[in-house]
Amino acid sequence: MANLTSVGGVERKIRRTEGFRVRILRPPDTSRRRDVRSDKQKMPPYHYTNAADGEWTVRKWKESRFHPTYPGFDVDVLERSGSVAGGLTRLVTVRATYEGGRG
């Protein structure tokens, strides 16, 4: 498979494309949900170039974009404060936490 990248590279591309930070995690069926090391290699790149619709929920983004691209991994969508956004939170709401600040 060509053009593989690191977990950190995927997280950065999602931040630039989607307008929010994420934390890629080990699958939920393992004994502990833990961060995957950011230097882990051989991840497919995040191939989307436009942000998902702001009316999408976090859950829909995960099911439509993240999980099909990264099967076997889970992801937390993070608000600017570092809090994990709930599954029913709209992406426009998550993105709004980043407005006017650094993050």
C-alpha atoms as a PDB file:
ATOM      1  CA  MET A   1       0.000   0.000   0.000  1.00  0.00           C
ATOM      2  CA  ALA A   2       1.497   3.333  -1.057  1.00  0.00           C
ATOM      3  CA  ASN A   3       1.557   6.671   0.745  1.00  0.00           C
ATOM      4  CA  LEU A   4       1.312   5.320   4.286  1.00  0.00           C
ATOM      5  CA  THR A   5       1.705   7.767   7.151  1.00  0.00           C
ATOM      6  CA  SER A   6       1.967   7.882  10.939  1.00  0.00           C
ATOM      7  CA  VAL A   7      -0.863   8.189  13.453  1.00  0.00           C
ATOM      8  CA  GLY A   8       0.361  11.718  14.203  1.00  0.00           C
ATOM      9  CA  GLY A   9       0.179  12.550  10.503  1.00  0.00           C
ATOM     10  CA  VAL A  10      -3.402  11.299  10.340  1.00  0.00           C
ATOM     11  CA  GLU A  11      -4.366  13.304  13.446  1.00  0.00           C
ATOM     12  CA  ARG A  12      -2.810  16.477  11.954  1.00  0.00           C
ATOM     13  CA  LYS A  13      -4.557  16.005   8.597  1.00  0.00           C
ATOM     14  CA  ILE A  14      -7.919  15.514  10.313  1.00  0.00           C
ATOM     15  CA  ARG A  15      -7.313  18.707  12.326  1.00  0.00           C
ATOM     16  CA  ARG A  16      -6.537  20.701   9.174  1.00  0.00           C
ATOM     17  CA  THR A  17      -9.420  19.236   7.161  1.00  0.00           C
ATOM     18  CA  GLU A  18     -12.181  18.910   9.742  1.00  0.00           C
ATOM     19  CA  GLY A  19     -11.382  21.798  12.077  1.00  0.00           C
ATOM     20  CA  PHE A  20     -11.071  19.746  15.263  1.00  0.00           C
ATOM     21  CA  ARG A  21      -8.489  17.564  16.988  1.00  0.00           C
ATOM     22  CA  VAL A  22      -8.832  13.822  17.424  1.00  0.00           C
ATOM     23  CA  ARG A  23      -7.118  11.146  19.467  1.00  0.00           C
ATOM     24  CA  ILE A  24      -6.768   7.798  17.710  1.00  0.00           C
ATOM     25  CA  LEU A  25      -7.272   4.881  20.089  1.00  0.00           C
ATOM     26  CA  ARG A  26      -6.824   1.170  20.214  1.00  0.00           C
ATOM     27  CA  PRO A  27     -10.003  -0.730  19.353  1.00  0.00           C
ATOM     28  CA  PRO A  28     -12.753  -0.741  21.976  1.00  0.00           C
ATOM     29  CA  ASP A  29     -12.716  -4.546  22.208  1.00  0.00           C
ATOM     30  CA  THR A  30      -9.206  -4.583  23.722  1.00  0.00           C
ATOM     31  CA  SER A  31      -8.748  -4.651  27.477  1.00  0.00           C
ATOM     32  CA  ARG A  32      -8.026  -0.918  27.683  1.00  0.00           C
ATOM     33  CA  ARG A  33      -8.861   1.940  25.331  1.00  0.00           C
ATOM     34  CA  ARG A  34      -5.542   3.698  25.007  1.00  0.00           C
ATOM     35  CA  ASP A  35      -3.988   6.223  22.696  1.00  0.00           C
ATOM     36  CA  VAL A  36      -2.091   4.762  19.798  1.00  0.00           C
ATOM     37  CA  ARG A  37       1.476   6.092  19.698  1.00  0.00           C
ATOM     38  CA  SER A  38       1.668   9.053  17.346  1.00  0.00           C
ATOM     39  CA  ASP A  39       4.768   7.618  15.677  1.00  0.00           C
ATOM     40  CA  LYS A  40       3.021   4.362  14.740  1.00  0.00           C
ATOM     41  CA  GLN A  41       3.547   3.940  11.010  1.00  0.00           C
ATOM     42  CA  LYS A  42       1.701   2.267   8.156  1.00  0.00           C
ATOM     43  CA  MET A  43      -1.582   4.115   8.545  1.00  0.00           C
ATOM     44  CA  PRO A  44      -3.486   5.028   5.396  1.00  0.00           C
ATOM     45  CA  PRO A  45      -3.663   8.799   4.896  1.00  0.00           C
ATOM     46  CA  TYR A  46      -6.856  10.706   5.661  1.00  0.00           C
ATOM     47  CA  HIS A  47      -7.997  11.218   2.085  1.00  0.00           C
ATOM     48  CA  TYR A  48     -10.792  13.747   2.575  1.00  0.00           C
ATOM     49  CA  THR A  49     -10.063  17.291   1.434  1.00  0.00           C
ATOM     50  CA  ASN A  50     -13.290  19.011   2.524  1.00  0.00           C
ATOM     51  CA  ALA A  51     -14.730  19.140   6.008  1.00  0.00           C
ATOM     52  CA  ALA A  52     -17.793  17.060   6.760  1.00  0.00           C
ATOM     53  CA  ASP A  53     -21.107  18.887   7.020  1.00  0.00           C
ATOM     54  CA  GLY A  54     -21.365  20.775  10.290  1.00  0.00           C
ATOM     55  CA  GLU A  55     -24.802  19.309  10.921  1.00  0.00           C
ATOM     56  CA  TRP A  56     -23.318  15.822  11.106  1.00  0.00           C
ATOM     57  CA  THR A  57     -22.960  14.420  14.595  1.00  0.00           C
ATOM     58  CA  VAL A  58     -19.679  13.128  15.953  1.00  0.00           C
ATOM     59  CA  ARG A  59     -21.143   9.630  15.689  1.00  0.00           C
ATOM     60  CA  LYS A  60     -22.009  10.087  11.995  1.00  0.00           C
ATOM     61  CA  TRP A  61     -18.503  11.427  11.249  1.00  0.00           C
ATOM     62  CA  LYS A  62     -16.945   8.406  12.950  1.00  0.00           C
ATOM     63  CA  GLU A  63     -19.228   5.938  11.123  1.00  0.00           C
ATOM     64  CA  SER A  64     -18.994   7.650   7.722  1.00  0.00           C
ATOM     65  CA  ARG A  65     -15.389   8.816   7.569  1.00  0.00           C
ATOM     66  CA  PHE A  66     -13.148   7.463  10.302  1.00  0.00           C
ATOM     67  CA  HIS A  67     -14.120   3.808  10.766  1.00  0.00           C
ATOM     68  CA  PRO A  68     -14.305   2.930   7.034  1.00  0.00           C
ATOM     69  CA  THR A  69     -10.794   4.360   6.552  1.00  0.00           C
ATOM     70  CA  TYR A  70      -9.288   3.021   9.800  1.00  0.00           C
ATOM     71  CA  PRO A  71     -11.008  -0.259  10.651  1.00  0.00           C
ATOM     72  CA  GLY A  72      -9.744  -1.730  13.889  1.00  0.00           C
ATOM     73  CA  PHE A  73      -9.173   1.675  15.498  1.00  0.00           C
ATOM     74  CA  ASP A  74     -11.403   3.983  17.493  1.00  0.00           C
ATOM     75  CA  VAL A  75     -11.223   7.757  17.789  1.00  0.00           C
ATOM     76  CA  ASP A  76     -12.170  10.500  20.210  1.00  0.00           C
ATOM     77  CA  VAL A  77     -13.227  13.853  18.754  1.00  0.00           C
ATOM     78  CA  LEU A  78     -11.870  16.565  21.023  1.00  0.00           C
ATOM     79  CA  GLU A  79     -13.168  19.995  21.857  1.00  0.00           C
ATOM     80  CA  ARG A  80     -10.592  22.777  22.203  1.00  0.00           C
ATOM     81  CA  SER A  81     -10.451  22.199  25.991  1.00  0.00           C
ATOM     82  CA  GLY A  82      -9.429  18.594  25.386  1.00  0.00           C
ATOM     83  CA  SER A  83     -12.814  17.243  26.477  1.00  0.00           C
ATOM     84  CA  VAL A  84     -14.205  14.392  24.425  1.00  0.00           C
ATOM     85  CA  ALA A  85     -17.235  15.440  22.371  1.00  0.00           C
ATOM     86  CA  GLY A  86     -20.256  13.179  22.796  1.00  0.00           C
ATOM     87  CA  GLY A  87     -21.610  11.158  19.892  1.00  0.00           C
ATOM     88  CA  LEU A  88     -24.704  13.310  19.462  1.00  0.00           C
ATOM     89  CA  THR A  89     -22.741  16.578  19.393  1.00  0.00           C
ATOM     90  CA  ARG A  90     -22.940  18.312  16.025  1.00  0.00           C
ATOM     91  CA  LEU A  91     -19.625  19.025  14.314  1.00  0.00           C
ATOM     92  CA  VAL A  92     -20.501  22.732  14.049  1.00  0.00           C
ATOM     93  CA  THR A  93     -20.638  22.798  17.852  1.00  0.00           C
ATOM     94  CA  VAL A  94     -17.261  21.075  18.177  1.00  0.00           C
ATOM     95  CA  ARG A  95     -15.670  23.431  15.637  1.00  0.00           C
ATOM     96  CA  ALA A  96     -17.085  26.464  17.453  1.00  0.00           C
ATOM     97  CA  THR A  97     -14.995  25.578  20.513  1.00  0.00           C
ATOM     98  CA  TYR A  98     -11.867  26.286  18.442  1.00  0.00           C
ATOM     99  CA  GLU A  99     -12.980  29.704  17.174  1.00  0.00           C
ATOM    100  CA  GLY A 100     -11.082  32.662  18.496  1.00  0.00           C
ATOM    101  CA  GLY A 101      -8.440  30.578  20.187  1.00  0.00           C
ATOM    102  CA  ARG A 102      -5.493  28.376  19.595  1.00  0.00           C
ATOM    103  CA  GLY A 103      -5.958  24.651  19.468  1.00  0.00           C
END
